[in-house]
PDB file of N, CA and C in Angstrom:
ATOM      1  N   MET A   1     145.999  86.730  46.516  1.00  0.00           N
ATOM      2  CA  MET A   1     146.325  87.610  47.948  1.00  0.00           C
ATOM      3  C   MET A   1     147.233  88.109  48.627  1.00  0.00           C
ATOM      4  N   ALA A   2     147.554  86.905  48.487  1.00  0.00           N
ATOM      5  CA  ALA A   2     148.726  86.956  50.523  1.00  0.00           C
ATOM      6  C   ALA A   2     150.476  87.800  49.102  1.00  0.00           C
ATOM      7  N   PRO A   3     150.312  88.105  48.342  1.00  0.00           N
ATOM      8  CA  PRO A   3     151.840  89.119  47.892  1.00  0.00           C
ATOM      9  C   PRO A   3     150.519  90.368  48.328  1.00  0.00           C
ATOM     10  N   ARG A   4     150.316  91.012  48.134  1.00  0.00           N
ATOM     11  CA  ARG A   4     149.006  92.242  48.419  1.00  0.00           C
ATOM     12  C   ARG A   4     149.514  92.169  49.831  1.00  0.00           C
ATOM     13  N   LEU A   5     148.871  91.488  50.959  1.00  0.00           N
ATOM     14  CA  LEU A   5     148.883  91.121  52.659  1.00  0.00           C
ATOM     15  C   LEU A   5     150.445  91.556  52.404  1.00  0.00           C
ATOM     16  N   ILE A   6     151.637  90.737  51.445  1.00  0.00           N
ATOM     17  CA  ILE A   6     152.999  91.178  52.638  1.00  0.00           C
ATOM     18  C   ILE A   6     153.367  92.297  51.669  1.00  0.00           C
ATOM     19  N   ALA A   7     152.621  93.331  50.395  1.00  0.00           N
ATOM     20  CA  ALA A   7     153.214  94.787  50.733  1.00  0.00           C
ATOM     21  C   ALA A   7     153.108  95.571  51.353  1.00  0.00           C
ATOM     22  N   ALA A   8     151.600  95.620  51.507  1.00  0.00           N
ATOM     23  CA  ALA A   8     150.847  96.959  52.304  1.00  0.00           C
ATOM     24  C   ALA A   8     151.597  96.348  53.911  1.00  0.00           C
ATOM     25  N   LEU A   9     152.127  94.771  54.486  1.00  0.00           N
ATOM     26  CA  LEU A   9     152.911  95.466  55.158  1.00  0.00           C
ATOM     27  C   LEU A   9     153.956  95.868  55.500  1.00  0.00           C
ATOM     28  N   LEU A  10     154.594  95.348  54.515  1.00  0.00           N
ATOM     29  CA  LEU A  10     155.961  96.290  54.199  1.00  0.00           C
ATOM     30  C   LEU A  10     155.896  97.860  54.213  1.00  0.00           C
ATOM     31  N   LEU A  11     154.772  98.558  53.179  1.00  0.00           N
ATOM     32  CA  LEU A  11     154.306  99.945  53.400  1.00  0.00           C
ATOM     33  C   LEU A  11     154.369 100.843  54.338  1.00  0.00           C
ATOM     34  N   LEU A  12     153.499  99.799  55.799  1.00  0.00           N
ATOM     35  CA  LEU A  12     153.173  99.993  56.306  1.00  0.00           C
ATOM     36  C   LEU A  12     154.295 100.297  57.697  1.00  0.00           C
ATOM     37  N   GLY A  13     155.094  99.209  57.612  1.00  0.00           N
ATOM     38  CA  GLY A  13     156.343  98.737  57.998  1.00  0.00           C
ATOM     39  C   GLY A  13     157.454 100.430  58.152  1.00  0.00           C
ATOM     40  N   VAL A  14     157.846 100.718  55.886  1.00  0.00           N
ATOM     41  CA  VAL A  14     158.128 102.441  55.880  1.00  0.00           C
ATOM     42  C   VAL A  14     157.906 103.038  56.740  1.00  0.00           C
ATOM     43  N   VAL A  15     156.685 104.042  56.234  1.00  0.00           N
ATOM     44  CA  VAL A  15     155.546 104.585  57.155  1.00  0.00           C
ATOM     45  C   VAL A  15     156.155 105.059  58.127  1.00  0.00           C
ATOM     46  N   CYS A  16     155.338 104.087  59.620  1.00  0.00           N
ATOM     47  CA  CYS A  16     156.449 103.657  60.863  1.00  0.00           C
ATOM     48  C   CYS A  16     157.647 103.842  61.276  1.00  0.00           C
ATOM     49  N   VAL A  17     158.409 103.109  60.482  1.00  0.00           N
ATOM     50  CA  VAL A  17     160.035 103.877  60.590  1.00  0.00           C
ATOM     51  C   VAL A  17     160.301 105.176  60.049  1.00  0.00           C
ATOM     52  N   GLU A  18     159.422 105.499  59.184  1.00  0.00           N
ATOM     53  CA  GLU A  18     159.839 107.010  58.891  1.00  0.00           C
ATOM     54  C   GLU A  18     159.311 107.913  59.875  1.00  0.00           C
ATOM     55  N   PHE A  19     158.334 107.857  60.605  1.00  0.00           N
ATOM     56  CA  PHE A  19     157.714 108.834  61.218  1.00  0.00           C
ATOM     57  C   PHE A  19     158.187 108.364  62.369  1.00  0.00           C
ATOM     58  N   SER A  20     159.103 107.678  62.981  1.00  0.00           N
ATOM     59  CA  SER A  20     159.430 107.323  64.318  1.00  0.00           C
ATOM     60  C   SER A  20     161.105 107.773  64.296  1.00  0.00           C
ATOM     61  N   ALA A  21     161.753 108.054  63.200  1.00  0.00           N
ATOM     62  CA  ALA A  21     162.807 108.336  62.603  1.00  0.00           C
ATOM     63  C   ALA A  21     163.266 110.550  62.359  1.00  0.00           C
ATOM     64  N   ALA A  22     161.483 110.590  62.239  1.00  0.00           N
ATOM     65  CA  ALA A  22     161.941 112.050  62.493  1.00  0.00           C
ATOM     66  C   ALA A  22     161.825 112.529  63.490  1.00  0.00           C
ATOM     67  N   GLU A  23     162.420 113.988  63.131  1.00  0.00           N
ATOM     68  CA  GLU A  23     162.994 115.033  64.677  1.00  0.00           C
ATOM     69  C   GLU A  23     161.731 115.351  65.293  1.00  0.00           C
ATOM     70  N   VAL A  24     161.241 115.134  66.160  1.00  0.00           N
ATOM     71  CA  VAL A  24     159.901 116.275  67.075  1.00  0.00           C
ATOM     72  C   VAL A  24     160.197 116.820  68.169  1.00  0.00           C
ATOM     73  N   PRO A  25     160.234 118.004  67.865  1.00  0.00           N
ATOM     74  CA  PRO A  25     160.247 119.046  68.553  1.00  0.00           C
ATOM     75  C   PRO A  25     160.319 118.553  70.252  1.00  0.00           C
ATOM     76  N   ILE A  26     160.562 118.095  71.674  1.00  0.00           N
ATOM     77  CA  ILE A  26     159.961 117.960  72.893  1.00  0.00           C
ATOM     78  C   ILE A  26     159.814 119.207  73.713  1.00  0.00           C
ATOM     79  N   ASP A  27     161.683 119.757  73.737  1.00  0.00           N
ATOM     80  CA  ASP A  27     161.561 120.651  74.501  1.00  0.00           C
ATOM     81  C   ASP A  27     161.505 121.897  74.376  1.00  0.00           C
ATOM     82  N   CYS A  28     160.228 122.604  73.692  1.00  0.00           N
ATOM     83  CA  CYS A  28     160.757 123.955  73.173  1.00  0.00           C
ATOM     84  C   CYS A  28     160.200 124.863  73.910  1.00  0.00           C
ATOM     85  N   CYS A  29     159.924 125.924  74.247  1.00  0.00           N
ATOM     86  CA  CYS A  29     158.962 126.914  74.802  1.00  0.00           C
ATOM     87  C   CYS A  29     158.047 127.755  73.614  1.00  0.00           C
ATOM     88  N   LEU A  30     156.650 127.697  74.492  1.00  0.00           N
ATOM     89  CA  LEU A  30     156.264 128.370  73.428  1.00  0.00           C
ATOM     90  C   LEU A  30     155.311 129.508  73.899  1.00  0.00           C
ATOM     91  N   THR A  31     156.588 129.957  74.461  1.00  0.00           N
ATOM     92  CA  THR A  31     155.937 131.252  75.205  1.00  0.00           C
ATOM     93  C   THR A  31     157.201 131.853  76.059  1.00  0.00           C
ATOM     94  N   THR A  32     157.639 133.480  76.161  1.00  0.00           N
ATOM     95  CA  THR A  32     158.786 133.717  76.694  1.00  0.00           C
ATOM     96  C   THR A  32     157.870 134.588  77.406  1.00  0.00           C
ATOM     97  N   SER A  33     158.625 135.148  78.406  1.00  0.00           N
ATOM     98  CA  SER A  33     158.498 136.252  79.421  1.00  0.00           C
ATOM     99  C   SER A  33     160.049 137.545  79.597  1.00  0.00           C
ATOM    100  N   SER A  34     159.671 137.911  79.805  1.00  0.00           N
ATOM    101  CA  SER A  34     160.714 139.267  80.183  1.00  0.00           C
ATOM    102  C   SER A  34     160.961 139.901  81.295  1.00  0.00           C
ATOM    103  N   LYS A  35     160.403 139.360  82.163  1.00  0.00           N
ATOM    104  CA  LYS A  35     160.256 139.355  83.583  1.00  0.00           C
ATOM    105  C   LYS A  35     162.296 138.504  84.415  1.00  0.00           C
ATOM    106  N   ARG A  36     162.178 139.625  85.600  1.00  0.00           N
ATOM    107  CA  ARG A  36     163.646 139.559  85.279  1.00  0.00           C
ATOM    108  C   ARG A  36     164.060 138.091  86.175  1.00  0.00           C
ATOM    109  N   VAL A  37     165.061 137.508  86.361  1.00  0.00           N
ATOM    110  CA  VAL A  37     164.825 136.155  87.053  1.00  0.00           C
ATOM    111  C   VAL A  37     166.556 136.525  88.255  1.00  0.00           C
ATOM    112  N   PRO A  38     166.378 136.197  89.207  1.00  0.00           N
ATOM    113  CA  PRO A  38     167.589 136.581  90.239  1.00  0.00           C
ATOM    114  C   PRO A  38     168.935 135.593  89.349  1.00  0.00           C
ATOM    115  N   ILE A  39     170.199 136.297  89.073  1.00  0.00           N
ATOM    116  CA  ILE A  39     170.701 135.232  88.739  1.00  0.00           C
ATOM    117  C   ILE A  39     171.633 133.990  89.949  1.00  0.00           C
ATOM    118  N   GLN A  40     171.641 134.576  90.920  1.00  0.00           N
ATOM    119  CA  GLN A  40     171.678 133.380  92.012  1.00  0.00           C
ATOM    120  C   GLN A  40     170.864 132.280  91.826  1.00  0.00           C
ATOM    121  N   ILE A  41     169.309 132.073  91.284  1.00  0.00           N
ATOM    122  CA  ILE A  41     168.835 130.924  91.754  1.00  0.00           C
ATOM    123  C   ILE A  41     169.219 130.764  89.777  1.00  0.00           C
ATOM    124  N   ILE A  42     169.698 130.903  88.861  1.00  0.00           N
ATOM    125  CA  ILE A  42     170.150 129.805  87.733  1.00  0.00           C
ATOM    126  C   ILE A  42     171.675 128.906  88.015  1.00  0.00           C
ATOM    127  N   ALA A  43     171.032 127.712  87.223  1.00  0.00           N
ATOM    128  CA  ALA A  43     171.983 126.916  87.746  1.00  0.00           C
ATOM    129  C   ALA A  43     172.757 126.530  85.626  1.00  0.00           C
ATOM    130  N   ASP A  44     171.393 126.826  84.628  1.00  0.00           N
ATOM    131  CA  ASP A  44     172.615 126.418  83.749  1.00  0.00           C
ATOM    132  C   ASP A  44     171.556 127.354  82.717  1.00  0.00           C
ATOM    133  N   HIS A  45     171.733 127.062  81.779  1.00  0.00           N
ATOM    134  CA  HIS A  45     171.179 127.526  80.623  1.00  0.00           C
ATOM    135  C   HIS A  45     170.820 127.148  78.722  1.00  0.00           C
ATOM    136  N   ARG A  46     170.555 128.063  78.294  1.00  0.00           N
ATOM    137  CA  ARG A  46     170.299 126.683  76.590  1.00  0.00           C
ATOM    138  C   ARG A  46     169.517 128.062  75.667  1.00  0.00           C
ATOM    139  N   ILE A  47     170.375 127.983  74.747  1.00  0.00           N
ATOM    140  CA  ILE A  47     169.204 129.246  73.484  1.00  0.00           C
ATOM    141  C   ILE A  47     168.775 128.159  72.490  1.00  0.00           C
ATOM    142  N   GLN A  48     167.238 128.931  72.468  1.00  0.00           N
ATOM    143  CA  GLN A  48     166.720 128.226  71.873  1.00  0.00           C
ATOM    144  C   GLN A  48     166.633 128.836  70.297  1.00  0.00           C
ATOM    145  N   GLU A  49     166.456 128.621  69.510  1.00  0.00           N
ATOM    146  CA  GLU A  49     166.549 128.724  68.187  1.00  0.00           C
ATOM    147  C   GLU A  49     165.361 128.999  67.597  1.00  0.00           C
ATOM    148  N   ALA A  50     164.784 129.928  66.890  1.00  0.00           N
ATOM    149  CA  ALA A  50     162.799 129.584  66.089  1.00  0.00           C
ATOM    150  C   ALA A  50     163.553 128.955  64.412  1.00  0.00           C
ATOM    151  N   GLY A  51     162.986 128.359  64.167  1.00  0.00           N
ATOM    152  CA  GLY A  51     163.276 127.865  63.095  1.00  0.00           C
ATOM    153  C   GLY A  51     163.692 126.308  63.031  1.00  0.00           C
ATOM    154  N   LYS A  52     164.298 126.495  64.299  1.00  0.00           N
ATOM    155  CA  LYS A  52     165.107 124.972  63.893  1.00  0.00           C
ATOM    156  C   LYS A  52     164.451 123.447  65.201  1.00  0.00           C
ATOM    157  N   GLY A  53     163.690 123.639  64.755  1.00  0.00           N
ATOM    158  CA  GLY A  53     162.669 122.412  65.735  1.00  0.00           C
ATOM    159  C   GLY A  53     161.589 122.768  66.445  1.00  0.00           C
ATOM    160  N   CYS A  54     161.992 124.250  67.191  1.00  0.00           N
ATOM    161  CA  CYS A  54     161.411 125.738  67.486  1.00  0.00           C
ATOM    162  C   CYS A  54     160.345 126.254  66.934  1.00  0.00           C
ATOM    163  N   ASP A  55     159.196 127.197  66.903  1.00  0.00           N
ATOM    164  CA  ASP A  55     158.755 128.073  66.627  1.00  0.00           C
ATOM    165  C   ASP A  55     159.146 129.289  67.343  1.00  0.00           C
ATOM    166  N   ILE A  56     159.535 130.186  68.101  1.00  0.00           N
ATOM    167  CA  ILE A  56     159.910 131.635  68.623  1.00  0.00           C
ATOM    168  C   ILE A  56     161.236 131.097  68.977  1.00  0.00           C
ATOM    169  N   GLY A  57     161.735 132.148  69.529  1.00  0.00           N
ATOM    170  CA  GLY A  57     163.403 132.374  69.312  1.00  0.00           C
ATOM    171  C   GLY A  57     163.729 131.879  71.307  1.00  0.00           C
ATOM    172  N   ALA A  58     164.275 131.904  71.692  1.00  0.00           N
ATOM    173  CA  ALA A  58     164.152 132.113  73.605  1.00  0.00           C
ATOM    174  C   ALA A  58     165.317 131.894  73.997  1.00  0.00           C
ATOM    175  N   THR A  59     165.093 132.238  75.230  1.00  0.00           N
ATOM    176  CA  THR A  59     166.696 131.357  76.797  1.00  0.00           C
ATOM    177  C   THR A  59     166.080 130.690  77.226  1.00  0.00           C
ATOM    178  N   VAL A  60     166.499 129.505  77.673  1.00  0.00           N
ATOM    179  CA  VAL A  60     166.285 128.443  78.484  1.00  0.00           C
ATOM    180  C   VAL A  60     166.407 128.144  79.528  1.00  0.00           C
ATOM    181  N   PHE A  61     166.363 129.232  80.569  1.00  0.00           N
ATOM    182  CA  PHE A  61     166.948 128.716  82.375  1.00  0.00           C
ATOM    183  C   PHE A  61     166.668 128.473  82.849  1.00  0.00           C
ATOM    184  N   GLU A  62     167.692 127.581  83.632  1.00  0.00           N
ATOM    185  CA  GLU A  62     167.082 126.221  84.311  1.00  0.00           C
ATOM    186  C   GLU A  62     167.754 126.569  85.768  1.00  0.00           C
ATOM    187  N   THR A  63     166.861 126.422  87.052  1.00  0.00           N
ATOM    188  CA  THR A  63     166.760 127.060  88.102  1.00  0.00           C
ATOM    189  C   THR A  63     168.102 125.727  88.214  1.00  0.00           C
ATOM    190  N   LYS A  64     168.209 126.176  89.724  1.00  0.00           N
ATOM    191  CA  LYS A  64     169.395 125.150  90.594  1.00  0.00           C
ATOM    192  C   LYS A  64     168.370 123.837  91.379  1.00  0.00           C
ATOM    193  N   LYS A  65     166.804 124.687  91.468  1.00  0.00           N
ATOM    194  CA  LYS A  65     166.020 123.303  91.410  1.00  0.00           C
ATOM    195  C   LYS A  65     165.521 122.366  90.844  1.00  0.00           C
ATOM    196  N   GLY A  66     165.565 122.736  89.900  1.00  0.00           N
ATOM    197  CA  GLY A  66     165.733 121.857  88.360  1.00  0.00           C
ATOM    198  C   GLY A  66     164.232 122.559  87.975  1.00  0.00           C
ATOM    199  N   VAL A  67     163.211 123.806  87.947  1.00  0.00           N
ATOM    200  CA  VAL A  67     163.035 124.516  86.936  1.00  0.00           C
ATOM    201  C   VAL A  67     163.026 125.014  86.444  1.00  0.00           C
ATOM    202  N   ILE A  68     162.514 124.870  84.688  1.00  0.00           N
ATOM    203  CA  ILE A  68     162.752 125.197  83.836  1.00  0.00           C
ATOM    204  C   ILE A  68     161.781 126.908  83.463  1.00  0.00           C
ATOM    205  N   LEU A  69     163.027 128.017  82.822  1.00  0.00           N
ATOM    206  CA  LEU A  69     162.004 129.227  82.745  1.00  0.00           C
ATOM    207  C   LEU A  69     162.757 129.798  81.312  1.00  0.00           C
ATOM    208  N   CYS A  70     161.044 130.278  80.897  1.00  0.00           N
ATOM    209  CA  CYS A  70     161.059 130.292  79.388  1.00  0.00           C
ATOM    210  C   CYS A  70     161.597 131.869  78.611  1.00  0.00           C
ATOM    211  N   ILE A  71     162.192 132.388  79.083  1.00  0.00           N
ATOM    212  CA  ILE A  71     162.563 133.612  78.711  1.00  0.00           C
ATOM    213  C   ILE A  71     162.728 134.268  77.769  1.00  0.00           C
ATOM    214  N   SER A  72     162.979 135.682  77.456  1.00  0.00           N
ATOM    215  CA  SER A  72     163.514 136.562  75.956  1.00  0.00           C
ATOM    216  C   SER A  72     164.568 136.234  75.717  1.00  0.00           C
ATOM    217  N   HIS A  73     164.805 135.945  74.328  1.00  0.00           N
ATOM    218  CA  HIS A  73     165.843 135.402  73.550  1.00  0.00           C
ATOM    219  C   HIS A  73     167.174 135.979  73.883  1.00  0.00           C
ATOM    220  N   PRO A  74     168.552 136.227  73.824  1.00  0.00           N
ATOM    221  CA  PRO A  74     169.310 137.297  73.770  1.00  0.00           C
ATOM    222  C   PRO A  74     168.866 138.546  72.931  1.00  0.00           C
ATOM    223  N   SER A  75     169.097 138.060  71.685  1.00  0.00           N
ATOM    224  CA  SER A  75     168.821 139.815  70.571  1.00  0.00           C
ATOM    225  C   SER A  75     167.958 140.277  71.455  1.00  0.00           C
ATOM    226  N   GLU A  76     166.376 140.136  72.390  1.00  0.00           N
ATOM    227  CA  GLU A  76     165.957 140.806  72.834  1.00  0.00           C
ATOM    228  C   GLU A  76     166.008 141.067  74.029  1.00  0.00           C
ATOM    229  N   GLU A  77     166.637 141.155  74.853  1.00  0.00           N
ATOM    230  CA  GLU A  77     167.334 141.931  76.188  1.00  0.00           C
ATOM    231  C   GLU A  77     168.589 141.793  76.552  1.00  0.00           C
ATOM    232  N   ALA A  78     168.456 142.686  77.115  1.00  0.00           N
ATOM    233  CA  ALA A  78     170.726 143.161  77.566  1.00  0.00           C
ATOM    234  C   ALA A  78     170.722 142.634  79.359  1.00  0.00           C
ATOM    235  N   TRP A  79     170.121 141.601  79.947  1.00  0.00           N
ATOM    236  CA  TRP A  79     169.663 141.739  81.198  1.00  0.00           C
ATOM    237  C   TRP A  79     170.105 139.789  80.545  1.00  0.00           C
ATOM    238  N   VAL A  80     169.386 139.507  79.815  1.00  0.00           N
ATOM    239  CA  VAL A  80     169.758 138.177  79.424  1.00  0.00           C
ATOM    240  C   VAL A  80     170.910 138.455  79.016  1.00  0.00           C
ATOM    241  N   ARG A  81     171.372 138.648  78.709  1.00  0.00           N
ATOM    242  CA  ARG A  81     173.220 138.444  77.667  1.00  0.00           C
ATOM    243  C   ARG A  81     174.217 138.980  78.856  1.00  0.00           C
ATOM    244  N   LYS A  82     173.192 139.900  79.742  1.00  0.00           N
ATOM    245  CA  LYS A  82     174.495 140.042  80.851  1.00  0.00           C
ATOM    246  C   LYS A  82     174.582 138.722  81.956  1.00  0.00           C
ATOM    247  N   THR A  83     173.022 138.218  81.766  1.00  0.00           N
ATOM    248  CA  THR A  83     173.512 137.004  82.614  1.00  0.00           C
ATOM    249  C   THR A  83     173.631 135.582  81.988  1.00  0.00           C
ATOM    250  N   ILE A  84     174.103 135.657  80.956  1.00  0.00           N
ATOM    251  CA  ILE A  84     174.831 134.373  79.847  1.00  0.00           C
ATOM    252  C   ILE A  84     176.024 134.281  79.677  1.00  0.00           C
ATOM    253  N   ARG A  85     176.641 136.106  80.400  1.00  0.00           N
ATOM    254  CA  ARG A  85     177.990 136.047  79.990  1.00  0.00           C
ATOM    255  C   ARG A  85     178.557 135.011  81.733  1.00  0.00           C
ATOM    256  N   HIS A  86     177.551 136.175  82.281  1.00  0.00           N
ATOM    257  CA  HIS A  86     177.868 135.289  83.948  1.00  0.00           C
ATOM    258  C   HIS A  86     178.147 133.988  84.170  1.00  0.00           C
ATOM    259  N   LEU A  87     176.828 133.235  83.990  1.00  0.00           N
ATOM    260  CA  LEU A  87     177.137 132.041  83.847  1.00  0.00           C
ATOM    261  C   LEU A  87     178.008 131.431  82.703  1.00  0.00           C
ATOM    262  N   GLU A  88     178.423 131.264  81.747  1.00  0.00           N
ATOM    263  CA  GLU A  88     179.639 130.736  81.163  1.00  0.00           C
ATOM    264  C   GLU A  88     180.859 131.401  81.277  1.00  0.00           C
ATOM    265  N   LYS A  89     180.865 132.458  82.392  1.00  0.00           N
ATOM    266  CA  LYS A  89     182.148 132.754  82.850  1.00  0.00           C
ATOM    267  C   LYS A  89     182.253 131.398  83.602  1.00  0.00           C
ATOM    268  N   LYS A  90     181.740 131.632  84.660  1.00  0.00           N
ATOM    269  CA  LYS A  90     181.353 130.819  86.103  1.00  0.00           C
ATOM    270  C   LYS A  90     181.526 129.695  85.980  1.00  0.00           C
ATOM    271  N   ALA A  91     181.175 128.679  84.286  1.00  0.00           N
ATOM    272  CA  ALA A  91     181.920 128.154  84.002  1.00  0.00           C
ATOM    273  C   ALA A  91     183.153 127.232  83.615  1.00  0.00           C
ATOM    274  N   GLN A  92     183.605 128.483  83.439  1.00  0.00           N
ATOM    275  CA  GLN A  92     185.377 128.507  82.744  1.00  0.00           C
ATOM    276  C   GLN A  92     185.986 127.770  84.293  1.00  0.00           C
ATOM    277  N   GLN A  93     184.906 129.142  85.774  1.00  0.00           N
ATOM    278  CA  GLN A  93     186.345 129.597  86.839  1.00  0.00           C
ATOM    279  C   GLN A  93     186.260 127.678  86.876  1.00  0.00           C
ATOM    280  N   ALA A  94     185.195 127.129  86.820  1.00  0.00           N
ATOM    281  CA  ALA A  94     185.058 126.160  87.557  1.00  0.00           C
ATOM    282  C   ALA A  94     185.666 124.188  86.759  1.00  0.00           C
TER     283      ALA A  94
END
């Protein structure tokens, strides 16, 4: 009986390790907005790609106050592409 208990505990331990090692998306946008955001309030950005841990593609803007905004993917909105170019140019100058 003791060998079965040890085997069961080992199996449980392996399963728990596998679950904890799995990549679980934490900061995915679930919906997006196409509403324009004033460029002056945006501090940073990142692109969220669909199928790479998140369900939808999006642009994640972070405001200077730390608010996270989920905006349309740059492939969908010209103003988003322009805003990203501005932020990247600004970062290069810094």
